[in-house]
Every structure is written in C-alpha cells, then in structure tokens.
C-alpha cells in the first residue's frame, strides 16, 4: 500500500510539473505574440526604461569610438609631435615605429580582451564586466594624461585596449538582450550612431584646442574620455543586469527584478520570463555548452559565420582607408591642414545621419535587402571614386573628395549599421556574447592587416595608388555581394525563438522571410486560446 501511495504521489508530482511547464510555455508564446503585435512607437511608450538602458549601452560605446579616434588624431596635433617626437626640418615628427604602436596596441589588446571578456560575461555577468572595463578606462586615460614619453603613452594605449574589447563586446550583447523585439533593429543601428559620435567629438575638440602651445592641446582630449567614462560610472549602479544571463544561471528572482527595472511589470514580467526560459530550453537541445568550440559545431557554425561576416565585409569595404587616410589624402591633394580638418568634421556628421536613416529603414526595408542593395550602391561609389583617382585635375580631386564623403554617409546607411543588427540577432542566445567576441576579433585582425598594407598601396613613395585604392575595395565588395545574395537571411521581425527554430531546421537563407515557423503557429494558437477564455 505504501509503495502504491508513493508511486501515486510521484506520478501526481510529475503530472503537476508537466502542467506547470505547459502553462509556462503558453505564457511564453503569448509574450512572443504580443512582441510581434507591438510596433516601434508603441514599444517606445510601453518600455521607456528598456530604451533608456539601451541608450546607456550606446553611451558606453561612444567611449570606445572616441578612444579609437583620439589615438590617431592626437598625432596630428603640433604640440603632441613636439613633446613626443623629434625635430625634422622645420617641424616635429613622431617616429614611425611609435605611430604604429600607438594605433596598433589598442587593436591588439582589444582582440584579446573581447575574447576574454566574453568568457567573463558568461561567468560573472554583463554588468560586472562593464564595471571592470570602466575601471581600466580610468587607469589607462590617467596614464595617457600624465605621459611625457612615448613609452608611457604607449602603455596607456595598451591598457585602454582592454576596455575597448570588453565594452564593444558586452554592450552589443546587452542591447540585443534587453531591447524589445520591435526596437531591436533601431537600437542595434544606434550602435553605429555611437561609433560616429565619438570621432565627431574628438574632431571638434581637436579643432578648437589643437593649436594651443601647451600640453593642454592634447590633454583636453583625454579629459573628454574621463567625462564619458565618468557619466557611465555614475549610472552603472542602477543598470539592470541582463535577464537572459540571470535566467541562464538559474537566478529567476533576480531576473524578475531586472525585468521590472526594464519596464516588464506584473504579468508582463512573468510572460517575458517564460519566453526567455522557453527560448533557452530549446537552445539547450542544440548547444551542449557555452564554449568557443560550441560556436563552431552543428548548426552553430552556420550561425557564427552569418553573424560575423557582415563585420568582416565592413573591414573589406574600404572603411579603414576612408576613416584613417581621408585627412592625409586631403593634404596630399593640396588642401591646407586647417582646411583638411574642417572638411573631415563633415565625415562623422554624415556617418551619424546615415546611421539614423538606417535605424528608420532597417525594419521596413529589412536587414538582408538594406545590406545587399546598400552594398551594391556602395560598390558603385567605390568604383567611381577609383575612376576619379585616375585623373589629377582639380575637378577630379574635388570629385574624389565628394565621393569619399558620400561613401561615409551611404556606408552607414547600409553595412555600417546592419552589421551590428545581424551580429546580435543571428547568434544563438546562449552563445551571443562569444559570437560577438569572435566577430570583433576577426574584424580587428583584418583592420590590423590593412594598417600595414594600405600605406604600401597608398603612399606616394610606395604604390602611389592614392584614391585608386578604391578599386581594390570595390573588387572585394563584389565577392561580398555574392556571399550576401546566397547566404544572408532576413531576420527582421523574428524573435530569437523563431530564429533558433529556422537555423535548427536548416532553412535556406533566401526563404527566411516567407517561412512559417512552428513558434508562430503556437503563438497564434496561444493568443486564440486566451481570447476564447476571455469570451
């Protein structure tokens, strides 16, 4: 009798657990359906705090973009060259070795940092990794500020690279995890806006202080870095941890509190919790762990490639030349140093305009269409720029400058923005931060390669290609277009649950947009069931 009673109790317990799991699954499907039915403006009104924390994450990325720009810009300040360089004719020059070290050191340590910080983010959380990165930023900028020798300044740049890798990796992952479905395209495109604001601020500061005949000519730039990091640090204690990370660690109570801070109150919070749990449970069937090797196994390999390829295409499309050599090209073309800097300020302004346009278009046009057709137009601009570079007349030079500026705008309307959306959307939920880290590491490696190769192609005493270097990037874009046409899926409007299902089933890239998922069917059934209950 006792054995029968125990068995009966055990069966009842299992049955109760199954009923509870079914109810949670239904809640999750209801939350997913509600997300699909909520538009952009309604999401902004409904989830102002989630939007605010996405903006905060973008603010942190401004710190990254500012530092990356400042590293190269301070070399153009006469007082910096005087303090850290040597007399050469009537001017002062920074040794070429140190120039390469100043620009290459942050990139090298950022590669290492992005890979390490992704591991730490899965271990201690996104918020703690950001806290550590901000501490590193204060230390590194302080070293740069007090530096009076090339070695000390180099050490500061080297240390700051660890902040760059950590913030760039974890903040994009954070945006992808806390933003509502309808706003995911908008805020991932705003990452591009953040990468434009940093250089713009750096250019404006240097334009006003660069001619000061004291150390404050360049130390003012470092003070701005303190400002960006300071604001981020003041708001950090109030930042909600990623609910996806908390649930993956079994911290349901903390996840509920985090969801509440993001605007998911009451029943809405429990629905969102159920959706995250449902998505993660399904992902666990496809991924055995959260290691880097897992990114290269089974269906994850395809997802990893599709996630990181747009970042690689960014690096192959000529942005390294346009961003790093535009001022130098202007000076070689005969523009004065002052005029060159004034024209260059237009570059980040146009970039920001392009990013904002992308944020407005990315959901209506779609990620795939905006990326592919945007790159088609960008390729045409590159080929025209290369063609104008064949001439040496003033109209040809003016036309080249104009098309480089047009490139800066259109690049950010297309691949410059959509790459960030695809990076965080396509990667599977459990491996998102690691996939992003791999993407940044690969992109930075390509950019390091360009830092060594472009001078030999571009400089007058080497290949002397000048603007004709655009032909090379245009050719690389043609190969990139072939990849995008056959391999890039449409992810706009798809929840992570739907994307997981389509990748698990091996749906061809060009069928993603029209494919009807089981998740959609279950979402609709759950919504219909709720309507019947209410009737």
Protein backbone atom coordinates (compact mmCIF):
# COMPACT_ATOMS: atom_id res chain seq x y z
CA UNK A 1 0.00 0.00 0.00
CA UNK A 2 2.81 2.39 0.95
CA UNK A 3 4.64 1.71 -2.32
CA UNK A 4 1.43 2.31 -4.28
CA UNK A 5 0.81 5.58 -2.40
CA UNK A 6 4.42 6.77 -3.01
CA UNK A 7 4.12 5.87 -6.68
CA UNK A 8 0.83 7.75 -6.92
CA UNK A 9 2.33 10.81 -5.24
CA UNK A 10 5.32 10.66 -7.59
CA UNK A 11 3.07 10.47 -10.64
CA UNK A 12 0.97 13.38 -9.38
CA UNK A 13 4.13 15.43 -8.84
CA UNK A 14 5.35 14.69 -12.36
CA UNK A 15 1.91 15.50 -13.78
CA UNK A 16 1.82 18.79 -11.85
CA UNK A 17 5.28 19.69 -13.18
CA UNK A 18 4.15 18.92 -16.73
CA UNK A 19 1.04 21.09 -16.32
CA UNK A 20 3.16 23.92 -14.92
CA UNK A 21 5.64 23.58 -17.79
CA UNK A 22 2.79 23.68 -20.31
CA UNK A 23 1.36 26.80 -18.67
CA UNK A 24 4.78 28.48 -18.70
CA UNK A 25 5.21 27.57 -22.38
CA UNK A 26 1.80 29.08 -23.16
CA UNK A 27 2.79 32.26 -21.29
CA UNK A 28 6.00 32.37 -23.31
CA UNK A 29 4.13 32.02 -26.61
CA UNK A 30 1.69 34.75 -25.54
CA UNK A 31 4.62 37.07 -24.76
CA UNK A 32 6.17 36.31 -28.16
CA UNK A 33 2.88 37.02 -29.94
CA UNK A 34 2.45 40.31 -28.07
CA UNK A 35 6.01 41.32 -29.03
CA UNK A 36 5.19 40.70 -32.70
CA UNK A 37 2.00 42.76 -32.48
CA UNK A 38 3.67 45.74 -30.77
CA UNK A 39 5.07 48.37 -33.15
CA UNK A 40 8.07 50.66 -32.76
CA UNK A 41 6.31 53.72 -31.32
CA UNK A 42 4.12 51.64 -29.03
CA UNK A 43 7.23 49.81 -27.76
CA UNK A 44 8.97 53.11 -27.03
CA UNK A 45 5.97 54.24 -24.97
CA UNK A 46 5.48 50.85 -23.31
CA UNK A 47 9.15 50.21 -22.47
CA UNK A 48 10.84 53.59 -21.85
CA UNK A 49 13.28 52.12 -19.31
CA UNK A 50 14.44 49.34 -21.62
CA UNK A 51 15.00 52.03 -24.27
CA UNK A 52 16.87 54.22 -21.77
CA UNK A 53 19.26 51.41 -20.83
CA UNK A 54 19.90 50.66 -24.49
CA UNK A 55 20.85 54.33 -24.91
CA UNK A 56 23.13 53.96 -21.89
CA UNK A 57 24.83 50.99 -23.56
CA UNK A 58 25.32 53.13 -26.68
CA UNK A 59 26.83 55.86 -24.47
CA UNK A 60 29.41 53.35 -23.27
CA UNK A 61 30.22 52.52 -26.90
CA UNK A 62 30.86 56.25 -27.54
CA UNK A 63 33.75 55.89 -25.08
CA UNK A 64 35.17 53.15 -27.33
CA UNK A 65 34.76 55.12 -30.56
CA UNK A 66 36.20 58.29 -29.01
CA UNK A 67 39.30 56.47 -27.80
CA UNK A 68 39.85 54.76 -31.15
CA UNK A 69 39.69 58.12 -32.93
CA UNK A 70 41.73 60.02 -30.34
CA UNK A 71 44.63 57.58 -30.70
CA UNK A 72 45.25 58.66 -34.28
CA UNK A 73 44.07 62.26 -34.04
CA UNK A 74 46.47 63.43 -31.33
CA UNK A 75 49.40 62.61 -33.61
CA UNK A 76 48.19 65.44 -35.86
CA UNK A 77 48.42 67.98 -33.00
CA UNK A 78 51.64 70.06 -33.38
CA UNK A 79 52.26 70.26 -29.61
CA UNK A 80 51.94 66.47 -29.25
CA UNK A 81 54.51 65.94 -32.02
CA UNK A 82 56.80 68.47 -30.30
CA UNK A 83 56.52 66.77 -26.89
CA UNK A 84 56.77 63.16 -28.12
CA UNK A 85 58.66 63.48 -31.41
CA UNK A 86 61.95 64.75 -32.77
CA UNK A 87 63.00 67.77 -34.83
CA UNK A 88 62.84 67.12 -38.58
CA UNK A 89 63.45 70.19 -40.71
CA UNK A 90 61.05 72.92 -39.62
CA UNK A 91 58.62 70.53 -37.94
CA UNK A 92 58.49 67.76 -35.35
CA UNK A 93 57.82 64.13 -36.28
CA UNK A 94 56.68 61.10 -34.26
CA UNK A 95 58.88 58.09 -35.10
CA UNK A 96 57.04 55.72 -37.46
CA UNK A 97 57.51 52.81 -35.06
CA UNK A 98 55.77 54.64 -32.24
CA UNK A 99 52.98 55.79 -34.57
CA UNK A 100 52.26 52.18 -35.48
CA UNK A 101 52.47 51.18 -31.82
CA UNK A 102 50.00 53.88 -30.70
CA UNK A 103 47.39 52.76 -33.24
CA UNK A 104 48.15 49.04 -33.20
CA UNK A 105 48.40 48.48 -29.43
CA UNK A 106 44.71 49.14 -28.62
CA UNK A 107 43.61 46.94 -31.51
CA UNK A 108 45.84 44.06 -30.41
CA UNK A 109 44.72 44.18 -26.78
CA UNK A 110 41.09 44.69 -27.88
CA UNK A 111 41.22 41.35 -29.72
CA UNK A 112 42.49 39.60 -26.59
CA UNK A 113 40.09 41.50 -24.36
CA UNK A 114 36.99 40.76 -26.46
CA UNK A 115 37.65 37.01 -26.25
CA UNK A 116 38.41 37.07 -22.51
CA UNK A 117 35.57 39.45 -21.60
CA UNK A 118 33.02 37.26 -23.39
CA UNK A 119 34.07 34.37 -21.17
CA UNK A 120 33.85 36.60 -18.10
CA UNK A 121 30.46 37.98 -19.19
CA UNK A 122 29.05 34.45 -19.21
CA UNK A 123 30.63 33.80 -15.81
CA UNK A 124 30.05 36.99 -13.76
CA UNK A 125 27.50 38.87 -15.90
CA UNK A 126 27.45 41.80 -18.33
CA UNK A 127 27.24 44.46 -15.62
CA UNK A 128 30.34 43.30 -13.74
CA UNK A 129 32.39 43.13 -16.93
CA UNK A 130 31.36 46.71 -17.77
CA UNK A 131 32.34 47.83 -14.25
CA UNK A 132 35.79 46.31 -14.68
CA UNK A 133 36.17 47.89 -18.12
CA UNK A 134 35.35 51.37 -16.76
CA UNK A 135 37.96 50.97 -14.00
CA UNK A 136 40.51 50.03 -16.68
CA UNK A 137 39.48 53.09 -18.70
CA UNK A 138 40.14 55.48 -15.80
CA UNK A 139 43.57 53.92 -15.18
CA UNK A 140 44.53 53.93 -18.87
CA UNK A 141 43.42 57.53 -19.52
CA UNK A 142 45.22 58.68 -16.37
CA UNK A 143 48.43 57.09 -17.69
CA UNK A 144 47.92 58.81 -21.07
CA UNK A 145 47.22 62.12 -19.31
CA UNK A 146 50.43 62.14 -17.26
CA UNK A 147 52.60 60.68 -20.03
CA UNK A 148 55.65 62.67 -21.08
CA UNK A 149 57.42 59.89 -23.00
CA UNK A 150 56.39 57.64 -25.87
CA UNK A 151 56.74 54.52 -23.72
CA UNK A 152 54.37 55.74 -21.01
CA UNK A 153 51.82 56.92 -23.59
CA UNK A 154 52.08 53.55 -25.34
CA UNK A 155 51.40 51.75 -22.05
CA UNK A 156 48.27 53.86 -21.59
CA UNK A 157 47.01 52.98 -25.07
CA UNK A 158 47.87 49.32 -24.49
CA UNK A 159 45.84 49.21 -21.27
CA UNK A 160 42.90 51.07 -22.82
CA UNK A 161 42.64 48.37 -25.48
CA UNK A 162 41.32 46.02 -22.81
CA UNK A 163 38.47 48.45 -22.14
CA UNK A 164 37.71 48.73 -25.86
CA UNK A 165 37.35 44.99 -26.37
CA UNK A 166 35.29 44.45 -23.22
CA UNK A 167 32.82 47.30 -23.78
CA UNK A 168 32.38 46.70 -27.52
CA UNK A 169 31.62 43.02 -26.96
CA UNK A 170 29.39 43.09 -23.89
CA UNK A 171 27.34 46.20 -24.70
CA UNK A 172 26.15 44.97 -28.11
CA UNK A 173 25.17 41.68 -26.46
CA UNK A 174 23.38 43.63 -23.71
CA UNK A 175 21.41 45.69 -26.25
CA UNK A 176 20.36 42.52 -28.05
CA UNK A 177 19.15 41.01 -24.78
CA UNK A 178 17.21 43.88 -23.17
CA UNK A 179 15.67 45.68 -26.15
CA UNK A 180 12.06 44.83 -27.12
CA UNK A 181 11.61 42.98 -30.42
CA UNK A 182 10.18 45.98 -32.30
CA UNK A 183 13.11 48.19 -31.22
CA UNK A 184 15.91 45.69 -31.80
CA UNK A 185 16.74 47.00 -35.27
CA UNK A 186 16.59 50.62 -34.13
CA UNK A 187 18.94 50.25 -31.17
CA UNK A 188 21.41 47.92 -32.85
CA UNK A 189 21.69 50.54 -35.61
CA UNK A 190 22.23 53.15 -32.88
CA UNK A 191 25.49 51.33 -32.14
CA UNK A 192 26.65 52.82 -35.43
CA UNK A 193 25.48 56.25 -34.26
CA UNK A 194 27.66 55.81 -31.16
CA UNK A 195 30.64 54.93 -33.35
CA UNK A 196 30.04 58.21 -35.23
CA UNK A 197 29.57 60.49 -32.21
CA UNK A 198 32.96 59.61 -30.69
CA UNK A 199 35.02 60.74 -33.70
CA UNK A 200 32.83 63.84 -34.13
CA UNK A 201 33.50 64.97 -30.56
CA UNK A 202 37.22 64.21 -30.98
CA UNK A 203 37.41 66.26 -34.20
CA UNK A 204 35.57 69.22 -32.65
CA UNK A 205 37.75 69.23 -29.52
CA UNK A 206 40.98 68.99 -31.54
CA UNK A 207 39.79 71.67 -33.95
CA UNK A 208 39.41 74.11 -31.02
CA UNK A 209 42.37 73.09 -28.84
CA UNK A 210 44.83 71.56 -31.29
CA UNK A 211 46.74 74.81 -31.85
CA UNK A 212 47.27 75.57 -28.14
CA UNK A 213 51.00 75.79 -27.37
CA UNK A 214 50.99 73.68 -24.23
CA UNK A 215 50.29 70.11 -23.16
CA UNK A 216 46.61 71.02 -22.86
CA UNK A 217 46.44 70.93 -26.67
CA UNK A 218 46.11 67.14 -26.39
CA UNK A 219 45.36 66.63 -22.69
CA UNK A 220 41.95 68.21 -23.28
CA UNK A 221 41.14 65.19 -25.44
CA UNK A 222 41.93 62.85 -22.56
CA UNK A 223 39.74 64.91 -20.22
CA UNK A 224 36.81 64.21 -22.54
CA UNK A 225 37.47 60.49 -22.12
CA UNK A 226 37.24 60.98 -18.35
CA UNK A 227 33.88 62.66 -18.94
CA UNK A 228 32.39 59.80 -20.98
CA UNK A 229 33.64 57.19 -18.51
CA UNK A 230 32.50 59.29 -15.53
CA UNK A 231 28.88 59.52 -16.70
CA UNK A 232 28.85 55.77 -17.44
CA UNK A 233 30.21 55.04 -13.95
CA UNK A 234 27.65 57.25 -12.19
CA UNK A 235 24.76 55.39 -13.83
CA UNK A 236 26.27 51.90 -13.56
CA UNK A 237 24.86 51.04 -10.07
CA UNK A 238 21.31 51.50 -11.42
CA UNK A 239 21.86 49.38 -14.54
CA UNK A 240 19.73 46.19 -14.59
CA UNK A 241 21.62 43.00 -15.32
CA UNK A 242 20.67 41.10 -18.48
CA UNK A 243 17.67 38.89 -17.62
CA UNK A 244 18.87 36.37 -20.21
CA UNK A 245 22.13 35.90 -18.30
CA UNK A 246 20.35 35.72 -14.93
CA UNK A 247 17.94 33.03 -16.15
CA UNK A 248 20.78 31.06 -17.74
CA UNK A 249 22.32 30.98 -14.25
CA UNK A 250 19.04 29.92 -12.61
CA UNK A 251 18.54 33.27 -10.83
CA UNK A 252 14.80 33.65 -11.51
CA UNK A 253 14.06 36.08 -8.67
CA UNK A 254 16.82 38.46 -9.76
CA UNK A 255 15.65 38.08 -13.36
CA UNK A 256 12.13 39.17 -12.36
CA UNK A 257 13.57 42.24 -10.59
CA UNK A 258 15.70 43.04 -13.63
CA UNK A 259 12.70 42.71 -15.95
CA UNK A 260 10.75 45.04 -13.65
CA UNK A 261 13.52 47.66 -13.98
CA UNK A 262 13.28 47.29 -17.75
CA UNK A 263 9.53 48.00 -17.69
CA UNK A 264 8.10 44.47 -17.66
CA UNK A 265 5.84 44.78 -14.60
CA UNK A 266 3.45 42.25 -13.08
CA UNK A 267 2.07 39.67 -15.50
CA UNK A 268 4.12 41.12 -18.37
CA UNK A 269 7.29 40.30 -16.42
CA UNK A 270 6.22 36.69 -15.84
CA UNK A 271 5.34 36.33 -19.53
CA UNK A 272 8.73 37.67 -20.58
CA UNK A 273 10.43 35.37 -18.08
CA UNK A 274 8.53 32.40 -19.52
CA UNK A 275 9.54 33.38 -23.08
CA UNK A 276 13.22 33.63 -22.16
CA UNK A 277 13.10 30.26 -20.36
CA UNK A 278 11.28 28.66 -23.30
CA UNK A 279 13.87 30.01 -25.77
CA UNK A 280 16.85 28.95 -23.65
CA UNK A 281 15.39 25.47 -23.05
CA UNK A 282 15.01 24.94 -26.79
CA UNK A 283 18.53 26.24 -27.45
CA UNK A 284 19.99 23.77 -24.94
CA UNK A 285 18.81 20.95 -27.21
CA UNK A 286 21.09 22.28 -29.95
CA UNK A 287 24.06 23.55 -27.91
CA UNK A 288 25.88 21.36 -25.41
CA UNK A 289 27.71 24.19 -23.64
CA UNK A 290 28.71 27.84 -23.85
CA UNK A 291 32.31 27.43 -25.02
CA UNK A 292 34.01 28.94 -28.05
CA UNK A 293 34.23 25.47 -29.60
CA UNK A 294 30.44 25.25 -29.44
CA UNK A 295 30.28 28.22 -31.83
CA UNK A 296 31.94 26.00 -34.45
CA UNK A 297 29.74 22.91 -34.05
CA UNK A 298 26.50 21.69 -35.65
CA UNK A 299 24.12 24.41 -36.82
CA UNK A 300 26.03 26.95 -34.70
CA UNK A 301 28.85 27.09 -37.27
CA UNK A 302 26.46 28.43 -39.89
CA UNK A 303 25.08 30.95 -37.40
CA UNK A 304 28.56 32.05 -36.35
CA UNK A 305 29.61 32.66 -39.97
CA UNK A 306 26.41 34.56 -40.81
CA UNK A 307 26.77 36.65 -37.63
CA UNK A 308 30.35 37.74 -38.15
CA UNK A 309 30.53 38.03 -41.96
CA UNK A 310 28.85 41.48 -42.09
CA UNK A 311 31.55 42.77 -39.70
CA UNK A 312 34.20 41.27 -41.99
CA UNK A 313 32.53 42.87 -45.01
CA UNK A 314 32.73 46.21 -43.17
CA UNK A 315 36.50 45.73 -42.98
CA UNK A 316 36.73 44.68 -46.66
CA UNK A 317 34.58 47.55 -47.97
CA UNK A 318 37.17 50.32 -47.56
CA UNK A 319 36.22 51.94 -44.27
CA UNK A 320 39.80 51.52 -42.99
CA UNK A 321 41.02 53.73 -45.85
CA UNK A 322 38.20 56.29 -45.64
CA UNK A 323 38.37 56.65 -41.84
CA UNK A 324 42.14 56.53 -41.45
CA UNK A 325 43.52 58.24 -44.53
CA UNK A 326 40.97 60.87 -45.54
CA UNK A 327 42.81 63.78 -43.88
CA UNK A 328 46.13 62.57 -45.29
CA UNK A 329 44.58 62.32 -48.77
CA UNK A 330 43.18 65.86 -48.48
CA UNK A 331 46.64 67.18 -47.61
CA UNK A 332 48.27 65.27 -50.48
CA UNK A 333 45.56 66.67 -52.76
CA UNK A 334 46.65 70.20 -51.83
CA UNK A 335 44.26 71.20 -49.06
CA UNK A 336 45.79 73.02 -46.09
CA UNK A 337 46.00 71.29 -42.71
CA UNK A 338 43.30 73.56 -41.25
CA UNK A 339 41.02 73.04 -44.26
CA UNK A 340 41.60 69.28 -44.13
CA UNK A 341 40.43 69.06 -40.52
CA UNK A 342 37.41 71.24 -41.24
CA UNK A 343 36.36 69.01 -44.15
CA UNK A 344 36.96 65.89 -42.07
CA UNK A 345 34.46 67.06 -39.43
CA UNK A 346 31.79 66.54 -42.10
CA UNK A 347 32.69 62.84 -42.20
CA UNK A 348 31.32 61.76 -38.78
CA UNK A 349 28.33 64.10 -39.22
CA UNK A 350 27.40 62.32 -42.45
CA UNK A 351 28.05 58.98 -40.75
CA UNK A 352 25.60 59.81 -37.95
CA UNK A 353 22.97 60.94 -40.49
CA UNK A 354 23.44 57.64 -42.32
CA UNK A 355 23.06 55.62 -39.11
CA UNK A 356 19.86 57.45 -38.19
CA UNK A 357 18.48 56.78 -41.66
CA UNK A 358 19.35 53.10 -41.27
CA UNK A 359 17.56 52.96 -37.91
CA UNK A 360 14.44 54.31 -39.62
CA UNK A 361 14.71 51.93 -42.59
CA UNK A 362 16.07 48.67 -41.19
CA UNK A 363 12.70 47.20 -40.19
CA UNK A 364 10.72 48.48 -43.18
CA UNK A 365 13.27 47.52 -45.83
CA UNK A 366 14.72 44.53 -43.96
CA UNK A 367 18.25 43.60 -42.90
CA UNK A 368 19.04 41.48 -45.95
CA UNK A 369 17.73 43.96 -48.54
CA UNK A 370 19.35 47.01 -46.91
CA UNK A 371 22.66 45.17 -46.56
CA UNK A 372 22.76 43.70 -50.07
CA UNK A 373 21.40 46.59 -52.14
CA UNK A 374 23.19 49.08 -49.93
CA UNK A 375 26.48 47.33 -50.68
CA UNK A 376 25.64 47.32 -54.41
CA UNK A 377 25.38 51.13 -54.33
CA UNK A 378 28.49 51.38 -52.11
CA UNK A 379 30.45 49.31 -54.64
CA UNK A 380 29.40 51.71 -57.41
CA UNK A 381 30.59 54.66 -55.31
CA UNK A 382 33.95 52.95 -54.74
CA UNK A 383 34.44 52.27 -58.45
CA UNK A 384 33.55 55.89 -59.31
CA UNK A 385 36.00 57.11 -56.62
CA UNK A 386 38.74 54.91 -58.09
CA UNK A 387 37.95 56.21 -61.57
CA UNK A 388 38.20 59.83 -60.44
CA UNK A 389 41.52 58.94 -58.82
CA UNK A 390 42.92 58.23 -62.29
CA UNK A 391 42.85 61.96 -63.00
CA UNK A 392 44.97 64.69 -61.43
CA UNK A 393 42.96 67.79 -62.35
CA UNK A 394 41.33 69.90 -59.66
CA UNK A 395 37.77 68.86 -60.68
CA UNK A 396 38.80 65.19 -60.40
CA UNK A 397 40.31 65.78 -56.94
CA UNK A 398 37.22 67.69 -55.79
CA UNK A 399 35.01 64.90 -57.14
CA UNK A 400 37.07 62.29 -55.30
CA UNK A 401 36.71 64.18 -52.01
CA UNK A 402 32.95 64.49 -52.60
CA UNK A 403 32.53 60.76 -53.26
CA UNK A 404 34.57 59.83 -50.19
CA UNK A 405 32.16 61.94 -48.13
CA UNK A 406 29.19 60.33 -49.91
CA UNK A 407 30.73 56.95 -49.12
CA UNK A 408 30.91 57.90 -45.41
CA UNK A 409 27.18 58.60 -45.49
CA UNK A 410 25.99 55.60 -47.50
CA UNK A 411 28.28 53.11 -45.77
CA UNK A 412 26.43 53.87 -42.53
CA UNK A 413 23.02 53.66 -44.18
CA UNK A 414 23.87 50.10 -45.21
CA UNK A 415 26.55 47.67 -44.00
CA UNK A 416 27.90 50.13 -41.42
CA UNK A 417 24.65 49.80 -39.44
CA UNK A 418 23.06 46.49 -40.42
CA UNK A 419 26.18 44.54 -39.48
CA UNK A 420 25.52 45.28 -35.80
CA UNK A 421 21.87 44.18 -36.09
CA UNK A 422 22.86 40.90 -37.73
CA UNK A 423 25.73 40.33 -35.30
CA UNK A 424 23.49 40.19 -32.23
CA UNK A 425 20.34 38.76 -33.87
CA UNK A 426 21.71 35.75 -35.73
CA UNK A 427 23.87 34.37 -32.92
CA UNK A 428 22.15 31.87 -30.64
CA UNK A 429 21.08 33.17 -27.22
CA UNK A 430 23.49 31.08 -25.13
CA UNK A 431 26.47 31.89 -27.36
CA UNK A 432 25.64 35.51 -28.25
CA UNK A 433 28.40 37.29 -26.35
CA UNK A 434 31.02 34.76 -27.52
CA UNK A 435 29.90 35.04 -31.15
CA UNK A 436 30.12 38.83 -30.92
CA UNK A 437 33.62 38.48 -29.44
CA UNK A 438 34.70 36.26 -32.34
CA UNK A 439 33.27 38.79 -34.80
CA UNK A 440 35.16 41.70 -33.26
CA UNK A 441 38.36 39.68 -33.01
CA UNK A 442 38.24 38.70 -36.69
CA UNK A 443 37.32 42.23 -37.79
CA UNK A 444 40.16 43.74 -35.76
CA UNK A 445 42.62 41.25 -37.24
CA UNK A 446 41.55 42.34 -40.74
CA UNK A 447 41.89 46.00 -39.73
CA UNK A 448 45.40 45.37 -38.39
CA UNK A 449 46.28 43.82 -41.74
CA UNK A 450 45.02 46.96 -43.52
CA UNK A 451 47.11 49.19 -41.22
CA UNK A 452 50.22 47.51 -42.60
CA UNK A 453 49.06 47.09 -46.22
CA UNK A 454 47.32 50.41 -47.03
CA UNK A 455 50.44 52.60 -46.53
CA UNK A 456 52.30 50.50 -49.12
CA UNK A 457 49.40 50.82 -51.58
CA UNK A 458 48.57 54.47 -50.90
CA UNK A 459 51.73 56.44 -50.03
CA UNK A 460 53.48 58.44 -52.79
CA UNK A 461 56.84 56.77 -52.08
CA UNK A 462 55.34 53.24 -52.35
CA UNK A 463 52.48 52.08 -54.59
CA UNK A 464 51.25 55.66 -55.03
CA UNK A 465 47.71 54.48 -55.79
CA UNK A 466 46.07 57.39 -53.97
CA UNK A 467 42.31 57.27 -54.46
CA UNK A 468 42.75 54.42 -56.97
CA UNK A 469 42.96 52.14 -53.92
CA UNK A 470 39.14 52.29 -54.03
CA UNK A 471 39.27 49.84 -56.98
CA UNK A 472 40.68 47.19 -54.63
CA UNK A 473 37.90 47.66 -52.09
CA UNK A 474 35.31 47.74 -54.87
CA UNK A 475 36.58 44.37 -56.09
CA UNK A 476 36.36 42.90 -52.59
CA UNK A 477 32.78 44.20 -52.36
CA UNK A 478 31.85 42.21 -55.49
CA UNK A 479 32.87 38.97 -53.75
CA UNK A 480 30.99 40.12 -50.64
CA UNK A 481 27.84 40.68 -52.69
CA UNK A 482 27.95 37.09 -53.96
CA UNK A 483 28.13 35.85 -50.37
CA UNK A 484 25.27 38.10 -49.19
CA UNK A 485 22.98 37.01 -52.03
CA UNK A 486 23.33 33.30 -51.31
CA UNK A 487 23.97 33.18 -47.56
CA UNK A 488 22.45 36.18 -45.76
CA UNK A 489 18.98 35.51 -44.27
CA UNK A 490 16.30 38.07 -43.40
CA UNK A 491 15.95 38.39 -39.61
CA UNK A 492 13.72 41.48 -39.31
CA UNK A 493 10.70 40.92 -37.07
CA UNK A 494 11.83 37.46 -35.97
CA UNK A 495 12.09 36.57 -32.29
CA UNK A 496 15.10 34.64 -31.04
CA UNK A 497 12.83 31.61 -30.62
CA UNK A 498 11.88 31.71 -34.32
CA UNK A 499 15.48 32.20 -35.45
CA UNK A 500 16.60 29.26 -33.31
CA UNK A 501 13.97 27.07 -34.96
CA UNK A 502 14.81 28.10 -38.53
CA UNK A 503 18.54 27.55 -38.07
CA UNK A 504 17.92 24.20 -36.35
CA UNK A 505 15.83 23.12 -39.37
CA UNK A 506 18.41 24.41 -41.86
CA UNK A 507 16.01 26.78 -43.64
CA UNK A 508 17.77 28.28 -46.73
CA UNK A 509 18.77 31.92 -46.32
CA UNK A 510 16.51 33.23 -49.10
CA UNK A 511 13.43 31.51 -47.58
CA UNK A 512 13.74 33.04 -44.10
CA UNK A 513 11.44 35.96 -44.89
CA UNK A 514 8.47 33.83 -46.02
CA UNK A 515 8.98 30.80 -43.75
CA UNK A 516 6.16 29.99 -41.32
CA UNK A 517 7.64 28.71 -38.07
CA UNK A 518 6.09 26.35 -35.55
CA UNK A 519 6.71 29.08 -32.96
CA UNK A 520 4.42 31.42 -34.95
CA UNK A 521 1.70 28.77 -35.11
CA UNK A 522 1.99 28.11 -31.36
CA UNK A 523 1.97 31.86 -30.62
CA UNK A 524 -1.22 32.33 -32.63
CA UNK A 525 -2.83 29.29 -31.01
CA UNK A 526 -1.97 30.60 -27.52
CA UNK A 527 -3.45 34.00 -28.38
CA UNK A 528 -6.63 32.40 -29.76
CA UNK A 529 -6.93 30.22 -26.65
CA UNK A 530 -6.67 33.31 -24.44
CA UNK A 531 -9.37 35.06 -26.50
CA UNK A 532 -11.72 32.08 -26.05
CA UNK A 533 -11.10 32.04 -22.28
CA UNK A 534 -11.90 35.75 -22.06
CA UNK A 535 -15.13 35.24 -24.04
